[in-house]
């Protein structure tokens, strides 16, 4: 509400929890396909599929740009998170 927008999306659970338990670094790439119930007109499945295909191409471009610049050695604390976890 602060930003005057609404977001409804798919959950990141259990993926984010499993990545955390494995000490994996994790990054979300969110892709908006439609405005759902707030659209002024009904959104068809065909429109959602079309936009998703466009988004997939954008995500591919993003990954092709990001993967080569990922550091070989991790400096984050992701892999050590379970050392201080309460089990």
PDB file of N, CA and C in Angstrom:
ATOM      1  N   UNK A   1       0.812  -1.197   0.000  1.00  0.00           N
ATOM      2  CA  UNK A   1       0.000   0.000   0.000  1.00  0.00           C
ATOM      3  C   UNK A   1       0.855   1.261   0.000  1.00  0.00           C
ATOM      4  N   UNK A   2       2.002   1.207   0.635  1.00  0.00           N
ATOM      5  CA  UNK A   2       2.890   2.369   0.681  1.00  0.00           C
ATOM      6  C   UNK A   2       3.281   2.800  -0.725  1.00  0.00           C
ATOM      7  N   UNK A   3       3.516   1.801  -1.595  1.00  0.00           N
ATOM      8  CA  UNK A   3       3.935   2.097  -2.963  1.00  0.00           C
ATOM      9  C   UNK A   3       2.753   2.189  -3.922  1.00  0.00           C
ATOM     10  N   UNK A   4       1.544   2.115  -3.398  1.00  0.00           N
ATOM     11  CA  UNK A   4       0.320   2.193  -4.201  1.00  0.00           C
ATOM     12  C   UNK A   4       0.267   1.079  -5.248  1.00  0.00           C
ATOM     13  N   UNK A   5       0.608  -0.139  -4.836  1.00  0.00           N
ATOM     14  CA  UNK A   5       0.540  -1.263  -5.761  1.00  0.00           C
ATOM     15  C   UNK A   5       0.169  -2.528  -4.993  1.00  0.00           C
ATOM     16  N   UNK A   6      -0.258  -3.515  -5.727  1.00  0.00           N
ATOM     17  CA  UNK A   6      -0.601  -4.809  -5.160  1.00  0.00           C
ATOM     18  C   UNK A   6       0.195  -5.878  -5.891  1.00  0.00           C
ATOM     19  N   UNK A   7       0.680  -6.854  -5.155  1.00  0.00           N
ATOM     20  CA  UNK A   7       1.397  -7.962  -5.763  1.00  0.00           C
ATOM     21  C   UNK A   7       0.838  -9.257  -5.200  1.00  0.00           C
ATOM     22  N   UNK A   8       0.427 -10.125  -6.080  1.00  0.00           N
ATOM     23  CA  UNK A   8       0.008 -11.460  -5.690  1.00  0.00           C
ATOM     24  C   UNK A   8       0.901 -12.400  -6.475  1.00  0.00           C
ATOM     25  N   UNK A   9       1.538 -13.302  -5.795  1.00  0.00           N
ATOM     26  CA  UNK A   9       2.453 -14.171  -6.518  1.00  0.00           C
ATOM     27  C   UNK A   9       2.483 -15.571  -5.963  1.00  0.00           C
ATOM     28  N   UNK A  10       3.240 -16.365  -6.644  1.00  0.00           N
ATOM     29  CA  UNK A  10       3.448 -17.729  -6.196  1.00  0.00           C
ATOM     30  C   UNK A  10       4.403 -17.693  -5.008  1.00  0.00           C
ATOM     31  N   UNK A  11       4.238 -18.611  -4.147  1.00  0.00           N
ATOM     32  CA  UNK A  11       5.065 -18.675  -2.954  1.00  0.00           C
ATOM     33  C   UNK A  11       6.468 -19.175  -3.276  1.00  0.00           C
ATOM     34  N   UNK A  12       7.408 -18.825  -2.452  1.00  0.00           N
ATOM     35  CA  UNK A  12       8.778 -19.314  -2.595  1.00  0.00           C
ATOM     36  C   UNK A  12       9.049 -20.474  -1.648  1.00  0.00           C
ATOM     37  N   UNK A  13       8.011 -20.933  -0.979  1.00  0.00           N
ATOM     38  CA  UNK A  13       8.163 -22.047  -0.051  1.00  0.00           C
ATOM     39  C   UNK A  13       7.686 -23.301  -0.776  1.00  0.00           C
ATOM     40  N   UNK A  14       8.394 -24.389  -0.774  1.00  0.00           N
ATOM     41  CA  UNK A  14       9.513 -24.740   0.090  1.00  0.00           C
ATOM     42  C   UNK A  14      10.893 -24.436  -0.499  1.00  0.00           C
ATOM     43  N   UNK A  15      10.952 -23.917  -1.729  1.00  0.00           N
ATOM     44  CA  UNK A  15      12.245 -23.751  -2.390  1.00  0.00           C
ATOM     45  C   UNK A  15      13.251 -22.956  -1.565  1.00  0.00           C
ATOM     46  N   UNK A  16      12.823 -21.831  -1.037  1.00  0.00           N
ATOM     47  CA  UNK A  16      13.749 -20.985  -0.288  1.00  0.00           C
ATOM     48  C   UNK A  16      14.211 -21.673   0.998  1.00  0.00           C
ATOM     49  N   UNK A  17      13.309 -22.403   1.639  1.00  0.00           N
ATOM     50  CA  UNK A  17      13.682 -23.128   2.861  1.00  0.00           C
ATOM     51  C   UNK A  17      14.688 -24.233   2.564  1.00  0.00           C
ATOM     52  N   UNK A  18      14.474 -24.963   1.483  1.00  0.00           N
ATOM     53  CA  UNK A  18      15.401 -26.042   1.125  1.00  0.00           C
ATOM     54  C   UNK A  18      16.771 -25.489   0.752  1.00  0.00           C
ATOM     55  N   UNK A  19      16.794 -24.400   0.009  1.00  0.00           N
ATOM     56  CA  UNK A  19      18.072 -23.777  -0.352  1.00  0.00           C
ATOM     57  C   UNK A  19      18.811 -23.335   0.905  1.00  0.00           C
ATOM     58  N   UNK A  20      18.088 -22.778   1.846  1.00  0.00           N
ATOM     59  CA  UNK A  20      18.702 -22.320   3.100  1.00  0.00           C
ATOM     60  C   UNK A  20      19.292 -23.499   3.878  1.00  0.00           C
ATOM     61  N   UNK A  21      18.523 -24.586   3.966  1.00  0.00           N
ATOM     62  CA  UNK A  21      19.001 -25.767   4.685  1.00  0.00           C
ATOM     63  C   UNK A  21      20.238 -26.374   4.030  1.00  0.00           C
ATOM     64  N   UNK A  22      20.356 -26.243   2.713  1.00  0.00           N
ATOM     65  CA  UNK A  22      21.507 -26.779   1.990  1.00  0.00           C
ATOM     66  C   UNK A  22      22.678 -25.805   1.943  1.00  0.00           C
ATOM     67  N   UNK A  23      22.479 -24.614   2.489  1.00  0.00           N
ATOM     68  CA  UNK A  23      23.541 -23.614   2.471  1.00  0.00           C
ATOM     69  C   UNK A  23      23.775 -23.037   1.090  1.00  0.00           C
ATOM     70  N   UNK A  24      22.737 -23.067   0.272  1.00  0.00           N
ATOM     71  CA  UNK A  24      22.845 -22.560  -1.097  1.00  0.00           C
ATOM     72  C   UNK A  24      22.530 -21.073  -1.157  1.00  0.00           C
ATOM     73  N   UNK A  25      23.204 -20.378  -2.018  1.00  0.00           N
ATOM     74  CA  UNK A  25      22.820 -19.003  -2.329  1.00  0.00           C
ATOM     75  C   UNK A  25      21.552 -19.097  -3.172  1.00  0.00           C
ATOM     76  N   UNK A  26      20.661 -18.143  -3.028  1.00  0.00           N
ATOM     77  CA  UNK A  26      19.374 -18.218  -3.700  1.00  0.00           C
ATOM     78  C   UNK A  26      18.959 -16.823  -4.132  1.00  0.00           C
ATOM     79  N   UNK A  27      18.470 -16.729  -5.342  1.00  0.00           N
ATOM     80  CA  UNK A  27      18.011 -15.444  -5.858  1.00  0.00           C
ATOM     81  C   UNK A  27      16.719 -15.652  -6.631  1.00  0.00           C
ATOM     82  N   UNK A  28      15.786 -14.805  -6.420  1.00  0.00           N
ATOM     83  CA  UNK A  28      14.497 -14.872  -7.098  1.00  0.00           C
ATOM     84  C   UNK A  28      14.506 -13.998  -8.341  1.00  0.00           C
ATOM     85  N   UNK A  29      13.955 -14.527  -9.420  1.00  0.00           N
ATOM     86  CA  UNK A  29      13.661 -13.714 -10.599  1.00  0.00           C
ATOM     87  C   UNK A  29      12.145 -13.746 -10.738  1.00  0.00           C
ATOM     88  N   UNK A  30      11.497 -12.646 -10.433  1.00  0.00           N
ATOM     89  CA  UNK A  30      10.037 -12.581 -10.488  1.00  0.00           C
ATOM     90  C   UNK A  30       9.587 -12.123 -11.867  1.00  0.00           C
ATOM     91  N   UNK A  31       8.541 -12.773 -12.370  1.00  0.00           N
ATOM     92  CA  UNK A  31       8.016 -12.427 -13.687  1.00  0.00           C
ATOM     93  C   UNK A  31       6.513 -12.185 -13.591  1.00  0.00           C
ATOM     94  N   UNK A  32       6.102 -10.968 -13.825  1.00  0.00           N
ATOM     95  CA  UNK A  32       4.690 -10.607 -13.785  1.00  0.00           C
ATOM     96  C   UNK A  32       4.055 -11.011 -15.106  1.00  0.00           C
ATOM     97  N   UNK A  33       2.910 -11.686 -15.025  1.00  0.00           N
ATOM     98  CA  UNK A  33       2.226 -12.111 -16.249  1.00  0.00           C
ATOM     99  C   UNK A  33       0.915 -11.377 -16.488  1.00  0.00           C
ATOM    100  N   UNK A  34       0.260 -10.921 -15.415  1.00  0.00           N
ATOM    101  CA  UNK A  34      -1.021 -10.243 -15.607  1.00  0.00           C
ATOM    102  C   UNK A  34      -1.401  -9.506 -14.330  1.00  0.00           C
ATOM    103  N   UNK A  35      -2.472  -8.748 -14.430  1.00  0.00           N
ATOM    104  CA  UNK A  35      -2.940  -7.972 -13.285  1.00  0.00           C
ATOM    105  C   UNK A  35      -4.090  -8.649 -12.560  1.00  0.00           C
ATOM    106  N   UNK A  36      -4.362  -9.881 -12.913  1.00  0.00           N
ATOM    107  CA  UNK A  36      -5.319 -10.718 -12.218  1.00  0.00           C
ATOM    108  C   UNK A  36      -6.662 -10.013 -12.053  1.00  0.00           C
ATOM    109  N   UNK A  37      -7.202 -10.002 -10.867  1.00  0.00           N
ATOM    110  CA  UNK A  37      -8.566  -9.507 -10.668  1.00  0.00           C
ATOM    111  C   UNK A  37      -8.698  -7.992 -10.771  1.00  0.00           C
ATOM    112  N   UNK A  38      -7.566  -7.261 -10.763  1.00  0.00           N
ATOM    113  CA  UNK A  38      -7.663  -5.807 -10.825  1.00  0.00           C
ATOM    114  C   UNK A  38      -7.648  -5.277 -12.255  1.00  0.00           C
ATOM    115  N   UNK A  39      -7.561  -6.168 -13.217  1.00  0.00           N
ATOM    116  CA  UNK A  39      -7.538  -5.730 -14.609  1.00  0.00           C
ATOM    117  C   UNK A  39      -8.902  -5.159 -14.981  1.00  0.00           C
ATOM    118  N   UNK A  40      -8.877  -4.196 -15.869  1.00  0.00           N
ATOM    119  CA  UNK A  40     -10.135  -3.593 -16.315  1.00  0.00           C
ATOM    120  C   UNK A  40     -10.919  -4.547 -17.206  1.00  0.00           C
ATOM    121  N   UNK A  41     -10.208  -5.525 -17.768  1.00  0.00           N
ATOM    122  CA  UNK A  41     -10.880  -6.522 -18.593  1.00  0.00           C
ATOM    123  C   UNK A  41     -10.378  -7.902 -18.180  1.00  0.00           C
ATOM    124  N   UNK A  42     -11.080  -8.920 -18.603  1.00  0.00           N
ATOM    125  CA  UNK A  42     -10.697 -10.290 -18.269  1.00  0.00           C
ATOM    126  C   UNK A  42      -9.389 -10.640 -18.981  1.00  0.00           C
ATOM    127  N   UNK A  43      -8.483 -11.240 -18.262  1.00  0.00           N
ATOM    128  CA  UNK A  43      -7.212 -11.677 -18.829  1.00  0.00           C
ATOM    129  C   UNK A  43      -7.365 -13.128 -19.254  1.00  0.00           C
ATOM    130  N   UNK A  44      -7.001 -13.415 -20.498  1.00  0.00           N
ATOM    131  CA  UNK A  44      -7.142 -14.782 -20.997  1.00  0.00           C
ATOM    132  C   UNK A  44      -5.880 -15.596 -20.731  1.00  0.00           C
ATOM    133  N   UNK A  45      -6.039 -16.895 -20.746  1.00  0.00           N
ATOM    134  CA  UNK A  45      -4.894 -17.792 -20.569  1.00  0.00           C
ATOM    135  C   UNK A  45      -3.878 -17.574 -21.685  1.00  0.00           C
ATOM    136  N   UNK A  46      -4.361 -17.299 -22.874  1.00  0.00           N
ATOM    137  CA  UNK A  46      -3.462 -17.062 -24.005  1.00  0.00           C
ATOM    138  C   UNK A  46      -2.581 -15.834 -23.769  1.00  0.00           C
ATOM    139  N   UNK A  47      -3.168 -14.787 -23.185  1.00  0.00           N
ATOM    140  CA  UNK A  47      -2.389 -13.580 -22.880  1.00  0.00           C
ATOM    141  C   UNK A  47      -1.319 -13.869 -21.831  1.00  0.00           C
ATOM    142  N   UNK A  48      -1.688 -14.630 -20.824  1.00  0.00           N
ATOM    143  CA  UNK A  48      -0.732 -14.976 -19.771  1.00  0.00           C
ATOM    144  C   UNK A  48       0.426 -15.772 -20.366  1.00  0.00           C
ATOM    145  N   UNK A  49       0.125 -16.744 -21.222  1.00  0.00           N
ATOM    146  CA  UNK A  49       1.165 -17.561 -21.860  1.00  0.00           C
ATOM    147  C   UNK A  49       2.060 -16.695 -22.734  1.00  0.00           C
ATOM    148  N   UNK A  50       1.478 -15.778 -23.482  1.00  0.00           N
ATOM    149  CA  UNK A  50       2.268 -14.900 -24.354  1.00  0.00           C
ATOM    150  C   UNK A  50       3.235 -14.041 -23.533  1.00  0.00           C
ATOM    151  N   UNK A  51       2.720 -13.429 -22.483  1.00  0.00           N
ATOM    152  CA  UNK A  51       3.560 -12.574 -21.637  1.00  0.00           C
ATOM    153  C   UNK A  51       4.630 -13.410 -20.933  1.00  0.00           C
ATOM    154  N   UNK A  52       4.266 -14.617 -20.502  1.00  0.00           N
ATOM    155  CA  UNK A  52       5.245 -15.480 -19.844  1.00  0.00           C
ATOM    156  C   UNK A  52       6.380 -15.831 -20.797  1.00  0.00           C
ATOM    157  N   UNK A  53       6.061 -16.112 -22.058  1.00  0.00           N
ATOM    158  CA  UNK A  53       7.101 -16.408 -23.052  1.00  0.00           C
ATOM    159  C   UNK A  53       8.026 -15.208 -23.229  1.00  0.00           C
ATOM    160  N   UNK A  54       7.454 -14.014 -23.266  1.00  0.00           N
ATOM    161  CA  UNK A  54       8.272 -12.797 -23.363  1.00  0.00           C
ATOM    162  C   UNK A  54       9.166 -12.664 -22.129  1.00  0.00           C
ATOM    163  N   UNK A  55       8.603 -12.942 -20.966  1.00  0.00           N
ATOM    164  CA  UNK A  55       9.366 -12.850 -19.722  1.00  0.00           C
ATOM    165  C   UNK A  55      10.489 -13.876 -19.668  1.00  0.00           C
ATOM    166  N   UNK A  56      10.243 -15.065 -20.200  1.00  0.00           N
ATOM    167  CA  UNK A  56      11.280 -16.098 -20.212  1.00  0.00           C
ATOM    168  C   UNK A  56      12.478 -15.617 -21.025  1.00  0.00           C
ATOM    169  N   UNK A  57      12.213 -14.975 -22.146  1.00  0.00           N
ATOM    170  CA  UNK A  57      13.315 -14.450 -22.963  1.00  0.00           C
ATOM    171  C   UNK A  57      14.089 -13.372 -22.198  1.00  0.00           C
ATOM    172  N   UNK A  58      13.376 -12.534 -21.468  1.00  0.00           N
ATOM    173  CA  UNK A  58      14.038 -11.505 -20.647  1.00  0.00           C
ATOM    174  C   UNK A  58      14.867 -12.153 -19.536  1.00  0.00           C
ATOM    175  N   UNK A  59      14.330 -13.200 -18.925  1.00  0.00           N
ATOM    176  CA  UNK A  59      15.055 -13.898 -17.860  1.00  0.00           C
ATOM    177  C   UNK A  59      16.312 -14.563 -18.413  1.00  0.00           C
ATOM    178  N   UNK A  60      16.219 -15.127 -19.607  1.00  0.00           N
ATOM    179  CA  UNK A  60      17.399 -15.735 -20.241  1.00  0.00           C
ATOM    180  C   UNK A  60      18.488 -14.689 -20.442  1.00  0.00           C
ATOM    181  N   UNK A  61      18.100 -13.526 -20.950  1.00  0.00           N
ATOM    182  CA  UNK A  61      19.078 -12.453 -21.161  1.00  0.00           C
ATOM    183  C   UNK A  61      19.725 -12.050 -19.839  1.00  0.00           C
ATOM    184  N   UNK A  62      18.910 -11.956 -18.804  1.00  0.00           N
ATOM    185  CA  UNK A  62      19.424 -11.604 -17.484  1.00  0.00           C
ATOM    186  C   UNK A  62      20.435 -12.641 -16.997  1.00  0.00           C
ATOM    187  N   UNK A  63      20.080 -13.913 -17.117  1.00  0.00           N
ATOM    188  CA  UNK A  63      20.978 -14.975 -16.663  1.00  0.00           C
ATOM    189  C   UNK A  63      22.266 -15.020 -17.475  1.00  0.00           C
ATOM    190  N   UNK A  64      22.156 -14.842 -18.795  1.00  0.00           N
ATOM    191  CA  UNK A  64      23.361 -14.822 -19.635  1.00  0.00           C
ATOM    192  C   UNK A  64      24.286 -13.673 -19.239  1.00  0.00           C
ATOM    193  N   UNK A  65      23.714 -12.587 -18.760  1.00  0.00           N
ATOM    194  CA  UNK A  65      24.534 -11.449 -18.327  1.00  0.00           C
ATOM    195  C   UNK A  65      25.111 -11.670 -16.927  1.00  0.00           C
ATOM    196  N   UNK A  66      24.349 -12.297 -16.049  1.00  0.00           N
ATOM    197  CA  UNK A  66      24.775 -12.454 -14.654  1.00  0.00           C
ATOM    198  C   UNK A  66      25.738 -13.611 -14.408  1.00  0.00           C
ATOM    199  N   UNK A  67      25.499 -14.734 -15.041  1.00  0.00           N
ATOM    200  CA  UNK A  67      26.303 -15.926 -14.749  1.00  0.00           C
ATOM    201  C   UNK A  67      27.798 -15.695 -14.956  1.00  0.00           C
ATOM    202  N   UNK A  68      28.211 -15.059 -16.046  1.00  0.00           N
ATOM    203  CA  UNK A  68      29.656 -14.859 -16.227  1.00  0.00           C
ATOM    204  C   UNK A  68      30.311 -13.969 -15.164  1.00  0.00           C
ATOM    205  N   UNK A  69      29.537 -13.153 -14.489  1.00  0.00           N
ATOM    206  CA  UNK A  69      30.151 -12.256 -13.503  1.00  0.00           C
ATOM    207  C   UNK A  69      30.009 -12.749 -12.063  1.00  0.00           C
ATOM    208  N   UNK A  70      29.427 -13.938 -11.887  1.00  0.00           N
ATOM    209  CA  UNK A  70      29.349 -14.510 -10.545  1.00  0.00           C
ATOM    210  C   UNK A  70      30.755 -14.880 -10.090  1.00  0.00           C
ATOM    211  N   UNK A  71      31.095 -14.543  -8.862  1.00  0.00           N
ATOM    212  CA  UNK A  71      32.444 -14.879  -8.381  1.00  0.00           C
ATOM    213  C   UNK A  71      32.609 -16.391  -8.229  1.00  0.00           C
ATOM    214  N   UNK A  72      33.812 -16.882  -8.504  1.00  0.00           N
ATOM    215  CA  UNK A  72      34.073 -18.312  -8.343  1.00  0.00           C
ATOM    216  C   UNK A  72      34.030 -18.715  -6.877  1.00  0.00           C
ATOM    217  N   UNK A  73      34.527 -17.858  -6.022  1.00  0.00           N
ATOM    218  CA  UNK A  73      34.543 -18.146  -4.590  1.00  0.00           C
ATOM    219  C   UNK A  73      33.467 -17.317  -3.895  1.00  0.00           C
ATOM    220  N   UNK A  74      32.643 -17.992  -3.108  1.00  0.00           N
ATOM    221  CA  UNK A  74      31.591 -17.287  -2.382  1.00  0.00           C
ATOM    222  C   UNK A  74      32.176 -16.563  -1.180  1.00  0.00           C
ATOM    223  N   UNK A  75      31.719 -15.345  -0.975  1.00  0.00           N
ATOM    224  CA  UNK A  75      32.126 -14.580   0.202  1.00  0.00           C
ATOM    225  C   UNK A  75      30.942 -14.354   1.142  1.00  0.00           C
ATOM    226  N   UNK A  76      29.777 -14.848   0.739  1.00  0.00           N
ATOM    227  CA  UNK A  76      28.577 -14.695   1.567  1.00  0.00           C
ATOM    228  C   UNK A  76      28.590 -15.719   2.702  1.00  0.00           C
ATOM    229  N   UNK A  77      27.624 -15.621   3.566  1.00  0.00           N
ATOM    230  CA  UNK A  77      27.520 -16.515   4.722  1.00  0.00           C
ATOM    231  C   UNK A  77      26.482 -17.624   4.518  1.00  0.00           C
ATOM    232  N   UNK A  78      25.950 -17.751   3.320  1.00  0.00           N
ATOM    233  CA  UNK A  78      24.901 -18.743   3.061  1.00  0.00           C
ATOM    234  C   UNK A  78      25.315 -20.147   3.471  1.00  0.00           C
ATOM    235  N   UNK A  79      26.527 -20.542   3.119  1.00  0.00           N
ATOM    236  CA  UNK A  79      26.974 -21.913   3.392  1.00  0.00           C
ATOM    237  C   UNK A  79      27.189 -22.182   4.879  1.00  0.00           C
ATOM    238  N   UNK A  80      27.266 -21.140   5.683  1.00  0.00           N
ATOM    239  CA  UNK A  80      27.531 -21.300   7.111  1.00  0.00           C
ATOM    240  C   UNK A  80      26.295 -21.108   7.983  1.00  0.00           C
ATOM    241  N   UNK A  81      25.158 -20.917   7.382  1.00  0.00           N
ATOM    242  CA  UNK A  81      23.956 -20.542   8.126  1.00  0.00           C
ATOM    243  C   UNK A  81      23.548 -21.581   9.171  1.00  0.00           C
ATOM    244  N   UNK A  82      23.779 -22.855   8.896  1.00  0.00           N
ATOM    245  CA  UNK A  82      23.346 -23.878   9.847  1.00  0.00           C
ATOM    246  C   UNK A  82      24.265 -24.010  11.054  1.00  0.00           C
ATOM    247  N   UNK A  83      25.427 -23.405  11.001  1.00  0.00           N
ATOM    248  CA  UNK A  83      26.352 -23.478  12.136  1.00  0.00           C
ATOM    249  C   UNK A  83      25.765 -22.841  13.394  1.00  0.00           C
ATOM    250  N   UNK A  84      24.914 -21.857  13.212  1.00  0.00           N
ATOM    251  CA  UNK A  84      24.318 -21.161  14.357  1.00  0.00           C
ATOM    252  C   UNK A  84      22.811 -21.376  14.444  1.00  0.00           C
ATOM    253  N   UNK A  85      22.303 -22.363  13.693  1.00  0.00           N
ATOM    254  CA  UNK A  85      20.859 -22.613  13.672  1.00  0.00           C
ATOM    255  C   UNK A  85      20.417 -23.350  14.933  1.00  0.00           C
ATOM    256  N   UNK A  86      19.208 -23.087  15.351  1.00  0.00           N
ATOM    257  CA  UNK A  86      18.600 -23.823  16.457  1.00  0.00           C
ATOM    258  C   UNK A  86      17.895 -25.027  15.858  1.00  0.00           C
ATOM    259  N   UNK A  87      18.352 -26.212  16.194  1.00  0.00           N
ATOM    260  CA  UNK A  87      17.754 -27.435  15.641  1.00  0.00           C
ATOM    261  C   UNK A  87      16.957 -28.166  16.682  1.00  0.00           C
TER     262      UNK A  87
END
